[in-house]
Amino acid sequence: MKDHDFAMGMTMGLMAGAAMGIMMTPKRKRSIQKAADKAKKTVGEVMEDLADELGMH
């Protein structure tokens, strides 16, 4: 059980970090606040999908 929890936590952390990094990369001079809001929404959706796939919802 602990290995599963650790792997899930690492996966979520890596995905959240990658999403934040992608969203924070300036493309068209977007404001950082707008990018952060979009990243927060994306991370939330990814975590919901992951929880559904793992049967935790």
N, C-alpha and C. Protein backbone atom coordinates (compact mmCIF):
# COMPACT_ATOMS: atom_id res chain seq x y z
N MET A 1 0.82 -1.19 0.00
CA MET A 1 0.00 0.00 0.00
C MET A 1 0.87 1.26 0.00
N LYS A 2 1.95 1.25 0.78
CA LYS A 2 2.80 2.42 0.85
C LYS A 2 3.48 2.70 -0.49
N ASP A 3 3.89 1.63 -1.19
CA ASP A 3 4.52 1.81 -2.49
C ASP A 3 3.54 2.44 -3.47
N HIS A 4 2.30 2.01 -3.42
CA HIS A 4 1.28 2.56 -4.32
C HIS A 4 1.03 4.04 -4.01
N ASP A 5 0.95 4.39 -2.74
CA ASP A 5 0.73 5.78 -2.34
C ASP A 5 1.91 6.65 -2.76
N PHE A 6 3.12 6.14 -2.58
CA PHE A 6 4.30 6.89 -2.96
C PHE A 6 4.34 7.12 -4.46
N ALA A 7 4.08 6.07 -5.22
CA ALA A 7 4.10 6.19 -6.68
C ALA A 7 3.02 7.16 -7.16
N MET A 8 1.85 7.09 -6.57
CA MET A 8 0.77 8.00 -6.96
C MET A 8 1.15 9.44 -6.61
N GLY A 9 1.71 9.65 -5.45
CA GLY A 9 2.13 11.00 -5.05
C GLY A 9 3.21 11.55 -5.96
N MET A 10 4.18 10.72 -6.30
CA MET A 10 5.24 11.16 -7.21
C MET A 10 4.68 11.49 -8.59
N THR A 11 3.78 10.65 -9.08
CA THR A 11 3.18 10.89 -10.39
C THR A 11 2.40 12.19 -10.41
N MET A 12 1.60 12.41 -9.38
CA MET A 12 0.81 13.65 -9.31
C MET A 12 1.73 14.87 -9.22
N GLY A 13 2.77 14.76 -8.43
CA GLY A 13 3.71 15.87 -8.29
C GLY A 13 4.42 16.19 -9.59
N LEU A 14 4.86 15.14 -10.28
CA LEU A 14 5.53 15.36 -11.57
C LEU A 14 4.59 15.96 -12.59
N MET A 15 3.36 15.48 -12.63
CA MET A 15 2.39 16.01 -13.58
C MET A 15 2.04 17.46 -13.25
N ALA A 16 1.86 17.76 -11.98
CA ALA A 16 1.55 19.13 -11.58
C ALA A 16 2.70 20.07 -11.92
N GLY A 17 3.92 19.63 -11.64
CA GLY A 17 5.09 20.45 -11.95
C GLY A 17 5.25 20.68 -13.44
N ALA A 18 5.03 19.63 -14.23
CA ALA A 18 5.14 19.78 -15.68
C ALA A 18 4.07 20.71 -16.22
N ALA A 19 2.85 20.57 -15.73
CA ALA A 19 1.76 21.44 -16.18
C ALA A 19 2.05 22.90 -15.82
N MET A 20 2.54 23.12 -14.61
CA MET A 20 2.86 24.49 -14.21
C MET A 20 3.98 25.06 -15.06
N GLY A 21 4.99 24.25 -15.34
CA GLY A 21 6.10 24.70 -16.17
C GLY A 21 5.66 25.06 -17.58
N ILE A 22 4.81 24.23 -18.15
CA ILE A 22 4.31 24.49 -19.50
C ILE A 22 3.46 25.75 -19.53
N MET A 23 2.59 25.89 -18.54
CA MET A 23 1.69 27.04 -18.53
C MET A 23 2.41 28.34 -18.22
N MET A 24 3.50 28.28 -17.47
CA MET A 24 4.20 29.49 -17.10
C MET A 24 5.18 29.97 -18.17
N THR A 25 5.42 29.15 -19.17
CA THR A 25 6.33 29.54 -20.24
C THR A 25 5.68 30.64 -21.06
N PRO A 26 6.33 31.80 -21.17
CA PRO A 26 5.72 32.89 -21.93
C PRO A 26 5.67 32.56 -23.43
N LYS A 27 4.49 32.73 -24.00
CA LYS A 27 4.33 32.47 -25.43
C LYS A 27 3.94 33.75 -26.16
N ARG A 28 2.92 34.43 -25.64
CA ARG A 28 2.45 35.65 -26.28
C ARG A 28 2.29 36.77 -25.26
N LYS A 29 3.24 36.90 -24.40
CA LYS A 29 3.25 37.93 -23.37
C LYS A 29 1.98 37.91 -22.51
N ARG A 30 1.55 36.70 -22.17
CA ARG A 30 0.41 36.57 -21.26
C ARG A 30 0.83 36.99 -19.87
N SER A 31 -0.12 37.45 -19.12
CA SER A 31 0.20 37.82 -17.75
C SER A 31 0.43 36.54 -16.95
N ILE A 32 1.26 36.61 -15.96
CA ILE A 32 1.57 35.44 -15.14
C ILE A 32 0.33 34.98 -14.39
N GLN A 33 -0.50 35.91 -13.96
CA GLN A 33 -1.71 35.54 -13.24
C GLN A 33 -2.64 34.71 -14.12
N LYS A 34 -2.80 35.10 -15.36
CA LYS A 34 -3.67 34.37 -16.28
C LYS A 34 -3.10 32.97 -16.53
N ALA A 35 -1.79 32.88 -16.70
CA ALA A 35 -1.15 31.59 -16.92
C ALA A 35 -1.29 30.69 -15.69
N ALA A 36 -1.14 31.28 -14.50
CA ALA A 36 -1.27 30.51 -13.27
C ALA A 36 -2.69 29.99 -13.10
N ASP A 37 -3.68 30.80 -13.43
CA ASP A 37 -5.07 30.35 -13.33
C ASP A 37 -5.34 29.19 -14.29
N LYS A 38 -4.82 29.30 -15.49
CA LYS A 38 -5.01 28.23 -16.47
C LYS A 38 -4.30 26.95 -16.02
N ALA A 39 -3.10 27.09 -15.48
CA ALA A 39 -2.35 25.93 -15.00
C ALA A 39 -3.07 25.27 -13.83
N LYS A 40 -3.63 26.08 -12.94
CA LYS A 40 -4.36 25.54 -11.79
C LYS A 40 -5.57 24.73 -12.27
N LYS A 41 -6.27 25.23 -13.26
CA LYS A 41 -7.42 24.52 -13.80
C LYS A 41 -6.97 23.21 -14.45
N THR A 42 -5.89 23.26 -15.22
CA THR A 42 -5.39 22.07 -15.91
C THR A 42 -4.94 21.01 -14.91
N VAL A 43 -4.22 21.43 -13.88
CA VAL A 43 -3.75 20.49 -12.86
C VAL A 43 -4.94 19.85 -12.15
N GLY A 44 -5.96 20.63 -11.86
CA GLY A 44 -7.16 20.08 -11.22
C GLY A 44 -7.83 19.03 -12.08
N GLU A 45 -7.92 19.30 -13.38
CA GLU A 45 -8.53 18.33 -14.30
C GLU A 45 -7.69 17.06 -14.40
N VAL A 46 -6.37 17.22 -14.46
CA VAL A 46 -5.48 16.06 -14.55
C VAL A 46 -5.59 15.21 -13.29
N MET A 47 -5.64 15.85 -12.14
CA MET A 47 -5.74 15.10 -10.89
C MET A 47 -7.08 14.37 -10.78
N GLU A 48 -8.16 15.00 -11.26
CA GLU A 48 -9.46 14.33 -11.27
C GLU A 48 -9.43 13.10 -12.17
N ASP A 49 -8.86 13.27 -13.37
CA ASP A 49 -8.77 12.15 -14.30
C ASP A 49 -7.93 11.01 -13.73
N LEU A 50 -6.82 11.36 -13.09
CA LEU A 50 -5.94 10.35 -12.50
C LEU A 50 -6.66 9.62 -11.37
N ALA A 51 -7.37 10.36 -10.54
CA ALA A 51 -8.11 9.74 -9.44
C ALA A 51 -9.19 8.80 -9.97
N ASP A 52 -9.86 9.22 -11.04
CA ASP A 52 -10.88 8.36 -11.66
C ASP A 52 -10.25 7.09 -12.21
N GLU A 53 -9.11 7.21 -12.87
CA GLU A 53 -8.45 6.04 -13.44
C GLU A 53 -7.96 5.07 -12.37
N LEU A 54 -7.54 5.62 -11.24
CA LEU A 54 -7.06 4.77 -10.15
C LEU A 54 -8.20 4.25 -9.28
N GLY A 55 -9.42 4.65 -9.58
CA GLY A 55 -10.58 4.19 -8.84
C GLY A 55 -10.70 4.80 -7.46
N MET A 56 -10.20 6.01 -7.29
CA MET A 56 -10.24 6.64 -5.99
C MET A 56 -11.45 7.56 -5.84
N HIS A 57 -12.22 7.74 -6.86
CA HIS A 57 -13.40 8.61 -6.80
C HIS A 57 -14.64 7.80 -6.67
